[in-house]
Amino acid sequence: VLITKWRIWAFTNVRNVHALKKEAIRSMLIW
């Protein structure tokens, strides 16, 4: 539930979405 809320907030507010996605996977936030 919470990861979807974070996805929406993060990808809305961060410019470099490619780097964000890589780092989120690397940090084991998302798969």
Full PDB file with SEQRES, HELIX, SHEET, SSBOND, CRYST1, ORIGX, SCALE, CONECT and MASTER records, all heavy atoms in Angstrom:
SEQRES   1 A   31  VAL LEU ILE THR LYS TRP ARG ILE TRP ALA PHE THR ASN          
SEQRES   2 A   31  VAL ARG ASN VAL HIS ALA LEU LYS LYS GLU ALA ILE ARG          
SEQRES   3 A   31  SER MET LEU ILE TRP                                          
HELIX    1 AA1 LEU A    2  ASN A   13  1                                  12    
HELIX    2 AA2 VAL A   17  ARG A   26  1                                  10    
CRYST1    1.000    1.000    1.000  90.00  90.00  90.00 P 1           1          
ORIGX1      1.000000  0.000000  0.000000        0.00000                         
ORIGX2      0.000000  1.000000  0.000000        0.00000                         
ORIGX3      0.000000  0.000000  1.000000        0.00000                         
SCALE1      1.000000  0.000000  0.000000        0.00000                         
SCALE2      0.000000  1.000000  0.000000        0.00000                         
SCALE3      0.000000  0.000000  1.000000        0.00000                         
ATOM      1  N   VAL A   1       0.832  -1.209   0.000  1.00  0.00           N  
ATOM      2  CA  VAL A   1       0.000   0.000   0.000  1.00  0.00           C  
ATOM      3  C   VAL A   1       0.867   1.259   0.000  1.00  0.00           C  
ATOM      4  O   VAL A   1       0.671   2.176  -0.813  1.00  0.00           O  
ATOM      5  CB  VAL A   1      -0.954   0.006   1.217  1.00  0.00           C  
ATOM      6  CG1 VAL A   1      -1.701   1.347   1.308  1.00  0.00           C  
ATOM      7  CG2 VAL A   1      -1.950  -1.141   1.117  1.00  0.00           C  
ATOM      8  N   LEU A   2       1.844   1.297   0.913  1.00  0.00           N  
ATOM      9  CA  LEU A   2       2.649   2.505   1.078  1.00  0.00           C  
ATOM     10  C   LEU A   2       3.593   2.755  -0.090  1.00  0.00           C  
ATOM     11  O   LEU A   2       3.878   3.906  -0.424  1.00  0.00           O  
ATOM     12  CB  LEU A   2       3.452   2.430   2.382  1.00  0.00           C  
ATOM     13  CG  LEU A   2       2.645   2.451   3.683  1.00  0.00           C  
ATOM     14  CD1 LEU A   2       3.566   2.394   4.885  1.00  0.00           C  
ATOM     15  CD2 LEU A   2       1.773   3.711   3.744  1.00  0.00           C  
ATOM     16  N   ILE A   3       4.076   1.686  -0.735  1.00  0.00           N  
ATOM     17  CA  ILE A   3       5.042   1.882  -1.816  1.00  0.00           C  
ATOM     18  C   ILE A   3       4.390   2.580  -3.008  1.00  0.00           C  
ATOM     19  O   ILE A   3       5.042   3.350  -3.722  1.00  0.00           O  
ATOM     20  CB  ILE A   3       5.675   0.535  -2.252  1.00  0.00           C  
ATOM     21  CG1 ILE A   3       6.961   0.786  -3.063  1.00  0.00           C  
ATOM     22  CG2 ILE A   3       4.697  -0.305  -3.057  1.00  0.00           C  
ATOM     23  CD1 ILE A   3       8.039   1.513  -2.311  1.00  0.00           C  
ATOM     24  N   THR A   4       3.110   2.338  -3.230  1.00  0.00           N  
ATOM     25  CA  THR A   4       2.404   3.018  -4.318  1.00  0.00           C  
ATOM     26  C   THR A   4       2.273   4.507  -4.018  1.00  0.00           C  
ATOM     27  O   THR A   4       2.459   5.351  -4.897  1.00  0.00           O  
ATOM     28  CB  THR A   4       1.018   2.397  -4.529  1.00  0.00           C  
ATOM     29  OG1 THR A   4       1.175   1.021  -4.895  1.00  0.00           O  
ATOM     30  CG2 THR A   4       0.262   3.119  -5.631  1.00  0.00           C  
ATOM     31  N   LYS A   5       1.945   4.833  -2.758  1.00  0.00           N  
ATOM     32  CA  LYS A   5       1.847   6.234  -2.360  1.00  0.00           C  
ATOM     33  C   LYS A   5       3.198   6.926  -2.525  1.00  0.00           C  
ATOM     34  O   LYS A   5       3.278   8.074  -2.991  1.00  0.00           O  
ATOM     35  CB  LYS A   5       1.373   6.347  -0.906  1.00  0.00           C  
ATOM     36  CG  LYS A   5      -0.040   5.816  -0.679  1.00  0.00           C  
ATOM     37  CD  LYS A   5      -0.478   6.015   0.752  1.00  0.00           C  
ATOM     38  CE  LYS A   5      -1.886   5.466   0.977  1.00  0.00           C  
ATOM     39  NZ  LYS A   5      -2.896   6.197   0.169  1.00  0.00           N  
ATOM     40  N   TRP A   6       4.273   6.218  -2.152  1.00  0.00           N  
ATOM     41  CA  TRP A   6       5.612   6.803  -2.311  1.00  0.00           C  
ATOM     42  C   TRP A   6       5.958   6.970  -3.780  1.00  0.00           C  
ATOM     43  O   TRP A   6       6.529   7.998  -4.174  1.00  0.00           O  
ATOM     44  CB  TRP A   6       6.671   5.932  -1.637  1.00  0.00           C  
ATOM     45  CG  TRP A   6       8.050   6.460  -1.885  1.00  0.00           C  
ATOM     46  CD1 TRP A   6       8.682   7.473  -1.209  1.00  0.00           C  
ATOM     47  CD2 TRP A   6       8.965   6.040  -2.909  1.00  0.00           C  
ATOM     48  NE1 TRP A   6       9.923   7.707  -1.741  1.00  0.00           N  
ATOM     49  CE2 TRP A   6      10.125   6.841  -2.791  1.00  0.00           C  
ATOM     50  CE3 TRP A   6       8.912   5.069  -3.901  1.00  0.00           C  
ATOM     51  CZ2 TRP A   6      11.226   6.698  -3.633  1.00  0.00           C  
ATOM     52  CZ3 TRP A   6      10.003   4.921  -4.745  1.00  0.00           C  
ATOM     53  CH2 TRP A   6      11.138   5.727  -4.616  1.00  0.00           C  
ATOM     54  N   ARG A   7       5.643   5.982  -4.613  1.00  0.00           N  
ATOM     55  CA  ARG A   7       5.924   6.066  -6.054  1.00  0.00           C  
ATOM     56  C   ARG A   7       5.304   7.338  -6.637  1.00  0.00           C  
ATOM     57  O   ARG A   7       5.961   8.084  -7.357  1.00  0.00           O  
ATOM     58  CB  ARG A   7       5.344   4.847  -6.779  1.00  0.00           C  
ATOM     59  CG  ARG A   7       6.251   3.651  -6.917  1.00  0.00           C  
ATOM     60  CD  ARG A   7       5.562   2.629  -7.796  1.00  0.00           C  
ATOM     61  NE  ARG A   7       6.248   1.357  -7.842  1.00  0.00           N  
ATOM     62  CZ  ARG A   7       7.146   1.006  -8.762  1.00  0.00           C  
ATOM     63  NH1 ARG A   7       7.478   1.880  -9.695  1.00  0.00           N  
ATOM     64  NH2 ARG A   7       7.713  -0.186  -8.744  1.00  0.00           N  
ATOM     65  N   ILE A   8       4.038   7.547  -6.327  1.00  0.00           N  
ATOM     66  CA  ILE A   8       3.328   8.699  -6.891  1.00  0.00           C  
ATOM     67  C   ILE A   8       3.975  10.001  -6.433  1.00  0.00           C  
ATOM     68  O   ILE A   8       4.216  10.908  -7.246  1.00  0.00           O  
ATOM     69  CB  ILE A   8       1.839   8.650  -6.494  1.00  0.00           C  
ATOM     70  CG1 ILE A   8       1.163   7.460  -7.184  1.00  0.00           C  
ATOM     71  CG2 ILE A   8       1.134   9.954  -6.853  1.00  0.00           C  
ATOM     72  CD1 ILE A   8      -0.261   7.213  -6.735  1.00  0.00           C  
ATOM     73  N   TRP A   9       4.282  10.095  -5.129  1.00  0.00           N  
ATOM     74  CA  TRP A   9       4.917  11.318  -4.616  1.00  0.00           C  
ATOM     75  C   TRP A   9       6.298  11.518  -5.233  1.00  0.00           C  
ATOM     76  O   TRP A   9       6.635  12.608  -5.696  1.00  0.00           O  
ATOM     77  CB  TRP A   9       5.038  11.249  -3.090  1.00  0.00           C  
ATOM     78  CG  TRP A   9       5.837  12.404  -2.550  1.00  0.00           C  
ATOM     79  CD1 TRP A   9       5.378  13.657  -2.251  1.00  0.00           C  
ATOM     80  CD2 TRP A   9       7.247  12.416  -2.295  1.00  0.00           C  
ATOM     81  NE1 TRP A   9       6.411  14.455  -1.827  1.00  0.00           N  
ATOM     82  CE2 TRP A   9       7.577  13.715  -1.847  1.00  0.00           C  
ATOM     83  CE3 TRP A   9       8.256  11.463  -2.405  1.00  0.00           C  
ATOM     84  CZ2 TRP A   9       8.867  14.073  -1.493  1.00  0.00           C  
ATOM     85  CZ3 TRP A   9       9.553  11.833  -2.075  1.00  0.00           C  
ATOM     86  CH2 TRP A   9       9.855  13.126  -1.617  1.00  0.00           C  
ATOM     87  N   ALA A  10       7.118  10.452  -5.222  1.00  0.00           N  
ATOM     88  CA  ALA A  10       8.501  10.567  -5.663  1.00  0.00           C  
ATOM     89  C   ALA A  10       8.612  10.880  -7.154  1.00  0.00           C  
ATOM     90  O   ALA A  10       9.333  11.799  -7.557  1.00  0.00           O  
ATOM     91  CB  ALA A  10       9.262   9.277  -5.337  1.00  0.00           C  
ATOM     92  N   PHE A  11       7.893  10.135  -7.987  1.00  0.00           N  
ATOM     93  CA  PHE A  11       8.015  10.344  -9.429  1.00  0.00           C  
ATOM     94  C   PHE A  11       7.305  11.623  -9.885  1.00  0.00           C  
ATOM     95  O   PHE A  11       7.545  12.097 -10.991  1.00  0.00           O  
ATOM     96  CB  PHE A  11       7.481   9.130 -10.185  1.00  0.00           C  
ATOM     97  CG  PHE A  11       8.393   7.940 -10.090  1.00  0.00           C  
ATOM     98  CD1 PHE A  11       8.110   6.882  -9.234  1.00  0.00           C  
ATOM     99  CD2 PHE A  11       9.553   7.892 -10.829  1.00  0.00           C  
ATOM    100  CE1 PHE A  11       8.974   5.795  -9.133  1.00  0.00           C  
ATOM    101  CE2 PHE A  11      10.422   6.809 -10.743  1.00  0.00           C  
ATOM    102  CZ  PHE A  11      10.132   5.763  -9.887  1.00  0.00           C  
ATOM    103  N   THR A  12       6.478  12.184  -9.025  1.00  0.00           N  
ATOM    104  CA  THR A  12       5.883  13.484  -9.316  1.00  0.00           C  
ATOM    105  C   THR A  12       6.865  14.613  -9.020  1.00  0.00           C  
ATOM    106  O   THR A  12       6.950  15.599  -9.762  1.00  0.00           O  
ATOM    107  CB  THR A  12       4.596  13.694  -8.484  1.00  0.00           C  
ATOM    108  OG1 THR A  12       3.637  12.706  -8.843  1.00  0.00           O  
ATOM    109  CG2 THR A  12       3.999  15.076  -8.732  1.00  0.00           C  
ATOM    110  N   ASN A  13       7.636  14.474  -7.948  1.00  0.00           N  
ATOM    111  CA  ASN A  13       8.461  15.567  -7.446  1.00  0.00           C  
ATOM    112  C   ASN A  13       9.933  15.508  -7.816  1.00  0.00           C  
ATOM    113  O   ASN A  13      10.666  16.468  -7.557  1.00  0.00           O  
ATOM    114  CB  ASN A  13       8.330  15.634  -5.919  1.00  0.00           C  
ATOM    115  CG  ASN A  13       6.960  16.095  -5.477  1.00  0.00           C  
ATOM    116  OD1 ASN A  13       6.644  17.274  -5.548  1.00  0.00           O  
ATOM    117  ND2 ASN A  13       6.124  15.154  -5.043  1.00  0.00           N  
ATOM    118  N   VAL A  14      10.390  14.413  -8.386  1.00  0.00           N  
ATOM    119  CA  VAL A  14      11.805  14.285  -8.758  1.00  0.00           C  
ATOM    120  C   VAL A  14      11.948  14.411 -10.270  1.00  0.00           C  
ATOM    121  O   VAL A  14      11.200  13.781 -11.026  1.00  0.00           O  
ATOM    122  CB  VAL A  14      12.383  12.939  -8.275  1.00  0.00           C  
ATOM    123  CG1 VAL A  14      13.806  12.744  -8.778  1.00  0.00           C  
ATOM    124  CG2 VAL A  14      12.360  12.883  -6.752  1.00  0.00           C  
ATOM    125  N   ARG A  15      12.894  15.211 -10.717  1.00  0.00           N  
ATOM    126  CA  ARG A  15      13.111  15.426 -12.155  1.00  0.00           C  
ATOM    127  C   ARG A  15      13.757  14.216 -12.813  1.00  0.00           C  
ATOM    128  O   ARG A  15      13.308  13.737 -13.855  1.00  0.00           O  
ATOM    129  CB  ARG A  15      13.993  16.673 -12.368  1.00  0.00           C  
ATOM    130  CG  ARG A  15      14.573  16.838 -13.763  1.00  0.00           C  
ATOM    131  CD  ARG A  15      13.493  16.936 -14.837  1.00  0.00           C  
ATOM    132  NE  ARG A  15      14.046  17.153 -16.160  1.00  0.00           N  
ATOM    133  CZ  ARG A  15      14.539  16.215 -16.941  1.00  0.00           C  
ATOM    134  NH1 ARG A  15      14.557  14.946 -16.522  1.00  0.00           N  
ATOM    135  NH2 ARG A  15      15.011  16.504 -18.139  1.00  0.00           N  
ATOM    136  N   ASN A  16      14.826  13.684 -12.204  1.00  0.00           N  
ATOM    137  CA  ASN A  16      15.582  12.583 -12.810  1.00  0.00           C  
ATOM    138  C   ASN A  16      14.957  11.238 -12.436  1.00  0.00           C  
ATOM    139  O   ASN A  16      15.429  10.528 -11.532  1.00  0.00           O  
ATOM    140  CB  ASN A  16      17.050  12.631 -12.371  1.00  0.00           C  
ATOM    141  CG  ASN A  16      17.796  13.785 -13.023  1.00  0.00           C  
ATOM    142  OD1 ASN A  16      17.288  14.454 -13.923  1.00  0.00           O  
ATOM    143  ND2 ASN A  16      19.013  14.023 -12.580  1.00  0.00           N  
ATOM    144  N   VAL A  17      13.889  10.888 -13.148  1.00  0.00           N  
ATOM    145  CA  VAL A  17      13.129   9.685 -12.791  1.00  0.00           C  
ATOM    146  C   VAL A  17      13.892   8.402 -13.097  1.00  0.00           C  
ATOM    147  O   VAL A  17      13.696   7.379 -12.430  1.00  0.00           O  
ATOM    148  CB  VAL A  17      11.760   9.671 -13.496  1.00  0.00           C  
ATOM    149  CG1 VAL A  17      10.868  10.767 -12.945  1.00  0.00           C  
ATOM    150  CG2 VAL A  17      11.898   9.810 -15.011  1.00  0.00           C  
ATOM    151  N   HIS A  18      14.761   8.423 -14.106  1.00  0.00           N  
ATOM    152  CA  HIS A  18      15.546   7.222 -14.423  1.00  0.00           C  
ATOM    153  C   HIS A  18      16.494   6.894 -13.270  1.00  0.00           C  
ATOM    154  O   HIS A  18      16.582   5.739 -12.832  1.00  0.00           O  
ATOM    155  CB  HIS A  18      16.334   7.429 -15.721  1.00  0.00           C  
ATOM    156  CG  HIS A  18      15.485   7.616 -16.931  1.00  0.00           C  
ATOM    157  ND1 HIS A  18      14.922   6.565 -17.610  1.00  0.00           N  
ATOM    158  CD2 HIS A  18      15.083   8.743 -17.577  1.00  0.00           C  
ATOM    159  CE1 HIS A  18      14.214   7.021 -18.634  1.00  0.00           C  
ATOM    160  NE2 HIS A  18      14.297   8.342 -18.633  1.00  0.00           N  
ATOM    161  N   ALA A  19      17.191   7.920 -12.779  1.00  0.00           N  
ATOM    162  CA  ALA A  19      18.116   7.727 -11.656  1.00  0.00           C  
ATOM    163  C   ALA A  19      17.355   7.339 -10.401  1.00  0.00           C  
ATOM    164  O   ALA A  19      17.819   6.509  -9.609  1.00  0.00           O  
ATOM    165  CB  ALA A  19      18.918   9.007 -11.415  1.00  0.00           C  
ATOM    166  N   LEU A  20      16.188   7.924 -10.209  1.00  0.00           N  
ATOM    167  CA  LEU A  20      15.368   7.606  -9.037  1.00  0.00           C  
ATOM    168  C   LEU A  20      14.956   6.138  -9.040  1.00  0.00           C  
ATOM    169  O   LEU A  20      15.041   5.455  -8.014  1.00  0.00           O  
ATOM    170  CB  LEU A  20      14.123   8.495  -9.015  1.00  0.00           C  
ATOM    171  CG  LEU A  20      13.088   8.180  -7.930  1.00  0.00           C  
ATOM    172  CD1 LEU A  20      13.690   8.360  -6.544  1.00  0.00           C  
ATOM    173  CD2 LEU A  20      11.854   9.062  -8.094  1.00  0.00           C  
ATOM    174  N   LYS A  21      14.527   5.654 -10.187  1.00  0.00           N  
ATOM    175  CA  LYS A  21      14.083   4.267 -10.273  1.00  0.00           C  
ATOM    176  C   LYS A  21      15.236   3.299 -10.018  1.00  0.00           C  
ATOM    177  O   LYS A  21      15.086   2.314  -9.280  1.00  0.00           O  
ATOM    178  CB  LYS A  21      13.480   4.000 -11.650  1.00  0.00           C  
ATOM    179  CG  LYS A  21      12.808   2.640 -11.777  1.00  0.00           C  
ATOM    180  CD  LYS A  21      12.075   2.522 -13.094  1.00  0.00           C  
ATOM    181  CE  LYS A  21      11.314   1.212 -13.201  1.00  0.00           C  
ATOM    182  NZ  LYS A  21      10.552   1.112 -14.459  1.00  0.00           N  
ATOM    183  N   LYS A  22      16.404   3.581 -10.598  1.00  0.00           N  
ATOM    184  CA  LYS A  22      17.574   2.728 -10.375  1.00  0.00           C  
ATOM    185  C   LYS A  22      17.945   2.694  -8.896  1.00  0.00           C  
ATOM    186  O   LYS A  22      18.234   1.638  -8.335  1.00  0.00           O  
ATOM    187  CB  LYS A  22      18.759   3.243 -11.195  1.00  0.00           C  
ATOM    188  CG  LYS A  22      18.667   2.976 -12.682  1.00  0.00           C  
ATOM    189  CD  LYS A  22      19.910   3.511 -13.390  1.00  0.00           C  
ATOM    190  CE  LYS A  22      19.826   3.282 -14.891  1.00  0.00           C  
ATOM    191  NZ  LYS A  22      21.020   3.835 -15.587  1.00  0.00           N  
ATOM    192  N   GLU A  23      17.939   3.878  -8.272  1.00  0.00           N  
ATOM    193  CA  GLU A  23      18.337   3.962  -6.872  1.00  0.00           C  
ATOM    194  C   GLU A  23      17.309   3.304  -5.968  1.00  0.00           C  
ATOM    195  O   GLU A  23      17.669   2.698  -4.953  1.00  0.00           O  
ATOM    196  CB  GLU A  23      18.532   5.430  -6.477  1.00  0.00           C  
ATOM    197  CG  GLU A  23      19.193   5.637  -5.132  1.00  0.00           C  
ATOM    198  CD  GLU A  23      20.587   5.038  -5.059  1.00  0.00           C  
ATOM    199  OE1 GLU A  23      21.277   4.977  -6.110  1.00  0.00           O  
ATOM    200  OE2 GLU A  23      20.986   4.613  -3.962  1.00  0.00           O  
ATOM    201  N   ALA A  24      16.033   3.405  -6.318  1.00  0.00           N  
ATOM    202  CA  ALA A  24      14.980   2.773  -5.518  1.00  0.00           C  
ATOM    203  C   ALA A  24      15.108   1.253  -5.555  1.00  0.00           C  
ATOM    204  O   ALA A  24      14.913   0.572  -4.540  1.00  0.00           O  
ATOM    205  CB  ALA A  24      13.606   3.205  -6.029  1.00  0.00           C  
ATOM    206  N   ILE A  25      15.447   0.707  -6.715  1.00  0.00           N  
ATOM    207  CA  ILE A  25      15.663  -0.741  -6.839  1.00  0.00           C  
ATOM    208  C   ILE A  25      16.907  -1.144  -6.072  1.00  0.00           C  
ATOM    209  O   ILE A  25      16.923  -2.136  -5.346  1.00  0.00           O  
ATOM    210  CB  ILE A  25      15.776  -1.142  -8.323  1.00  0.00           C  
ATOM    211  CG1 ILE A  25      14.444  -0.918  -9.041  1.00  0.00           C  
ATOM    212  CG2 ILE A  25      16.213  -2.603  -8.450  1.00  0.00           C  
ATOM    213  CD1 ILE A  25      14.506  -1.118 -10.540  1.00  0.00           C  
ATOM    214  N   ARG A  26      17.963  -0.348  -6.214  1.00  0.00           N  
ATOM    215  CA  ARG A  26      19.231  -0.626  -5.537  1.00  0.00           C  
ATOM    216  C   ARG A  26      19.064  -0.570  -4.020  1.00  0.00           C  
ATOM    217  O   ARG A  26      19.697  -1.336  -3.287  1.00  0.00           O  
ATOM    218  CB  ARG A  26      20.274   0.394  -6.003  1.00  0.00           C  
ATOM    219  CG  ARG A  26      21.703   0.075  -5.612  1.00  0.00           C  
ATOM    220  CD  ARG A  26      22.617   1.149  -6.164  1.00  0.00           C  
ATOM    221  NE  ARG A  26      22.611   1.167  -7.606  1.00  0.00           N  
ATOM    222  CZ  ARG A  26      22.896   2.229  -8.354  1.00  0.00           C  
ATOM    223  NH1 ARG A  26      23.203   3.371  -7.781  1.00  0.00           N  
ATOM    224  NH2 ARG A  26      22.895   2.156  -9.666  1.00  0.00           N  
ATOM    225  N   SER A  27      18.194   0.335  -3.543  1.00  0.00           N  
ATOM    226  CA  SER A  27      17.955   0.492  -2.106  1.00  0.00           C  
ATOM    227  C   SER A  27      16.898  -0.480  -1.594  1.00  0.00           C  
ATOM    228  O   SER A  27      16.510  -0.412  -0.424  1.00  0.00           O  
ATOM    229  CB  SER A  27      17.515   1.930  -1.807  1.00  0.00           C  
ATOM    230  OG  SER A  27      18.492   2.862  -2.221  1.00  0.00           O  
ATOM    231  N   MET A  28      16.386  -1.341  -2.483  1.00  0.00           N  
ATOM    232  CA  MET A  28      15.397  -2.362  -2.137  1.00  0.00           C  
ATOM    233  C   MET A  28      14.083  -1.751  -1.642  1.00  0.00           C  
ATOM    234  O   MET A  28      13.387  -2.323  -0.810  1.00  0.00           O  
ATOM    235  CB  MET A  28      15.969  -3.334  -1.104  1.00  0.00           C  
ATOM    236  CG  MET A  28      17.183  -4.100  -1.614  1.00  0.00           C  
ATOM    237  SD  MET A  28      17.936  -5.184  -0.391  1.00  0.00           S  
ATOM    238  CE  MET A  28      16.612  -6.394  -0.172  1.00  0.00           C  
ATOM    239  N   LEU A  29      13.751  -0.569  -2.194  1.00  0.00           N  
ATOM    240  CA  LEU A  29      12.442   0.022  -1.937  1.00  0.00           C  
ATOM    241  C   LEU A  29      11.406  -0.598  -2.860  1.00  0.00           C  
ATOM    242  O   LEU A  29      10.282  -0.886  -2.443  1.00  0.00           O  
ATOM    243  CB  LEU A  29      12.499   1.541  -2.163  1.00  0.00           C  
ATOM    244  CG  LEU A  29      12.730   2.438  -0.950  1.00  0.00           C  
ATOM    245  CD1 LEU A  29      12.852   3.890  -1.390  1.00  0.00           C  
ATOM    246  CD2 LEU A  29      11.624   2.282   0.069  1.00  0.00           C  
ATOM    247  N   ILE A  30      11.780  -0.754  -4.128  1.00  0.00           N  
ATOM    248  CA  ILE A  30      10.879  -1.350  -5.125  1.00  0.00           C  
ATOM    249  C   ILE A  30      11.606  -2.500  -5.810  1.00  0.00           C  
ATOM    250  O   ILE A  30      12.817  -2.664  -5.674  1.00  0.00           O  
ATOM    251  CB  ILE A  30      10.422  -0.317  -6.169  1.00  0.00           C  
ATOM    252  CG1 ILE A  30      11.630   0.217  -6.963  1.00  0.00           C  
ATOM    253  CG2 ILE A  30       9.663   0.825  -5.507  1.00  0.00           C  
ATOM    254  CD1 ILE A  30      11.243   1.158  -8.093  1.00  0.00           C  
ATOM    255  N   TRP A  31      10.831  -3.281  -6.573  1.00  0.00           N  
ATOM    256  CA  TRP A  31      11.391  -4.411  -7.314  1.00  0.00           C  
ATOM    257  C   TRP A  31      11.486  -4.055  -8.791  1.00  0.00           C  
ATOM    258  O   TRP A  31      10.901  -3.085  -9.254  1.00  0.00           O  
ATOM    259  CB  TRP A  31      10.513  -5.653  -7.143  1.00  0.00           C  
ATOM    260  CG  TRP A  31      10.449  -6.136  -5.730  1.00  0.00           C  
ATOM    261  CD1 TRP A  31       9.557  -5.754  -4.776  1.00  0.00           C  
ATOM    262  CD2 TRP A  31      11.320  -7.085  -5.100  1.00  0.00           C  
ATOM    263  NE1 TRP A  31       9.805  -6.408  -3.589  1.00  0.00           N  
ATOM    264  CE2 TRP A  31      10.889  -7.222  -3.764  1.00  0.00           C  
ATOM    265  CE3 TRP A  31      12.421  -7.827  -5.540  1.00  0.00           C  
ATOM    266  CZ2 TRP A  31      11.514  -8.079  -2.860  1.00  0.00           C  
ATOM    267  CZ3 TRP A  31      13.038  -8.686  -4.633  1.00  0.00           C  
ATOM    268  CH2 TRP A  31      12.586  -8.807  -3.322  1.00  0.00           C  
TER     269      TRP A  31                                                      
MASTER        0    0    0    2    0    0    0    6  268    1    0    3          
END                                                                             
